[in-house]
Amino acid sequence: MRSENSSERRAHRRLRGPFDGVRVGLLDFKLRIYDLSVGGCLIDSLTEISSEQPIRLRIALPDGNSVMVRG
């Protein structure tokens, strides 16, 4: 049986972060993003985020630009 570490099982390359982000909506909430990839990310937020509703995030990138994503 072959043992694989987690990076070998990942379908997409991940950027560890942390990245500053904002949940965009009626009220914008600041949050931190970790393990960012094409397939998803980990969101660290003081505000509860329901998985039932789609969300929009604006993520600040290290080069000074930002990207808007939906999830």
C-alpha atoms as a PDB file:
ATOM      1  CA  MET A   1       0.000   0.000   0.000  1.00  0.00           C
ATOM      2  CA  ARG A   2       1.402   3.396  -1.028  1.00  0.00           C
ATOM      3  CA  SER A   3       1.293   6.283   1.423  1.00  0.00           C
ATOM      4  CA  GLU A   4       0.548   9.686  -0.122  1.00  0.00           C
ATOM      5  CA  ASN A   5       0.977  13.009   1.601  1.00  0.00           C
ATOM      6  CA  SER A   6      -1.778  15.621   1.260  1.00  0.00           C
ATOM      7  CA  SER A   7       0.017  17.661  -1.454  1.00  0.00           C
ATOM      8  CA  GLU A   8       0.141  14.593  -3.750  1.00  0.00           C
ATOM      9  CA  ARG A   9      -3.639  14.078  -3.424  1.00  0.00           C
ATOM     10  CA  ARG A  10      -4.551  17.693  -4.244  1.00  0.00           C
ATOM     11  CA  ALA A  11      -6.049  18.345  -7.669  1.00  0.00           C
ATOM     12  CA  HIS A  12      -4.993  22.027  -7.636  1.00  0.00           C
ATOM     13  CA  ARG A  13      -1.891  23.852  -6.400  1.00  0.00           C
ATOM     14  CA  ARG A  14      -2.570  25.751  -3.177  1.00  0.00           C
ATOM     15  CA  LEU A  15      -1.213  29.077  -1.947  1.00  0.00           C
ATOM     16  CA  ARG A  16      -0.921  28.995   1.842  1.00  0.00           C
ATOM     17  CA  GLY A  17      -1.634  32.654   2.598  1.00  0.00           C
ATOM     18  CA  PRO A  18      -2.881  34.250   4.692  1.00  0.00           C
ATOM     19  CA  PHE A  19      -4.626  36.674   2.364  1.00  0.00           C
ATOM     20  CA  ASP A  20      -6.805  39.574   3.482  1.00  0.00           C
ATOM     21  CA  GLY A  21     -10.305  39.341   2.119  1.00  0.00           C
ATOM     22  CA  VAL A  22     -13.769  40.826   2.299  1.00  0.00           C
ATOM     23  CA  ARG A  23     -17.113  39.069   2.088  1.00  0.00           C
ATOM     24  CA  VAL A  24     -18.993  41.353  -0.290  1.00  0.00           C
ATOM     25  CA  GLY A  25     -22.688  41.870   0.329  1.00  0.00           C
ATOM     26  CA  LEU A  26     -25.216  44.132   1.983  1.00  0.00           C
ATOM     27  CA  LEU A  27     -22.643  44.551   4.746  1.00  0.00           C
ATOM     28  CA  ASP A  28     -18.996  43.837   3.921  1.00  0.00           C
ATOM     29  CA  PHE A  29     -17.095  41.684   6.441  1.00  0.00           C
ATOM     30  CA  LYS A  30     -13.322  41.384   6.711  1.00  0.00           C
ATOM     31  CA  LEU A  31     -11.863  37.888   6.797  1.00  0.00           C
ATOM     32  CA  ARG A  32      -8.642  35.910   6.251  1.00  0.00           C
ATOM     33  CA  ILE A  33      -8.143  33.361   3.486  1.00  0.00           C
ATOM     34  CA  TYR A  34      -5.802  30.347   3.701  1.00  0.00           C
ATOM     35  CA  ASP A  35      -4.986  27.468   1.331  1.00  0.00           C
ATOM     36  CA  LEU A  36      -6.260  29.329  -1.732  1.00  0.00           C
ATOM     37  CA  SER A  37      -6.610  27.296  -4.941  1.00  0.00           C
ATOM     38  CA  VAL A  38      -8.784  27.012  -8.033  1.00  0.00           C
ATOM     39  CA  GLY A  39     -10.803  24.394  -6.145  1.00  0.00           C
ATOM     40  CA  GLY A  40     -11.488  26.371  -2.969  1.00  0.00           C
ATOM     41  CA  CYS A  41     -10.035  27.910   0.174  1.00  0.00           C
ATOM     42  CA  LEU A  42     -10.264  28.028   3.939  1.00  0.00           C
ATOM     43  CA  ILE A  43     -12.104  31.113   5.243  1.00  0.00           C
ATOM     44  CA  ASP A  44     -11.303  32.406   8.735  1.00  0.00           C
ATOM     45  CA  SER A  45     -14.055  34.825   9.767  1.00  0.00           C
ATOM     46  CA  LEU A  46     -15.459  36.201  13.002  1.00  0.00           C
ATOM     47  CA  THR A  47     -18.848  36.346  11.265  1.00  0.00           C
ATOM     48  CA  GLU A  48     -20.754  33.117  10.646  1.00  0.00           C
ATOM     49  CA  ILE A  49     -20.928  32.141   6.987  1.00  0.00           C
ATOM     50  CA  SER A  50     -23.846  29.926   5.980  1.00  0.00           C
ATOM     51  CA  SER A  51     -23.091  27.234   3.422  1.00  0.00           C
ATOM     52  CA  GLU A  52     -26.687  27.519   2.160  1.00  0.00           C
ATOM     53  CA  GLN A  53     -26.213  30.885   0.459  1.00  0.00           C
ATOM     54  CA  PRO A  54     -23.709  31.738  -2.294  1.00  0.00           C
ATOM     55  CA  ILE A  55     -21.057  34.252  -1.279  1.00  0.00           C
ATOM     56  CA  ARG A  56     -18.791  36.726  -3.052  1.00  0.00           C
ATOM     57  CA  LEU A  57     -15.276  37.351  -1.804  1.00  0.00           C
ATOM     58  CA  ARG A  58     -12.770  40.037  -2.725  1.00  0.00           C
ATOM     59  CA  ILE A  59      -9.277  38.681  -2.034  1.00  0.00           C
ATOM     60  CA  ALA A  60      -6.209  40.950  -1.817  1.00  0.00           C
ATOM     61  CA  LEU A  61      -3.261  39.426  -3.680  1.00  0.00           C
ATOM     62  CA  PRO A  62       0.402  39.949  -2.719  1.00  0.00           C
ATOM     63  CA  ASP A  63       1.092  41.998  -5.895  1.00  0.00           C
ATOM     64  CA  GLY A  64      -1.375  44.705  -4.764  1.00  0.00           C
ATOM     65  CA  ASN A  65      -4.225  43.608  -7.039  1.00  0.00           C
ATOM     66  CA  SER A  66      -7.384  41.892  -5.880  1.00  0.00           C
ATOM     67  CA  VAL A  67      -9.647  39.230  -7.322  1.00  0.00           C
ATOM     68  CA  MET A  68     -13.413  38.777  -6.902  1.00  0.00           C
ATOM     69  CA  VAL A  69     -14.684  35.184  -6.604  1.00  0.00           C
ATOM     70  CA  ARG A  70     -18.055  33.513  -6.003  1.00  0.00           C
ATOM     71  CA  GLY A  71     -18.652  30.386  -4.001  1.00  0.00           C
END
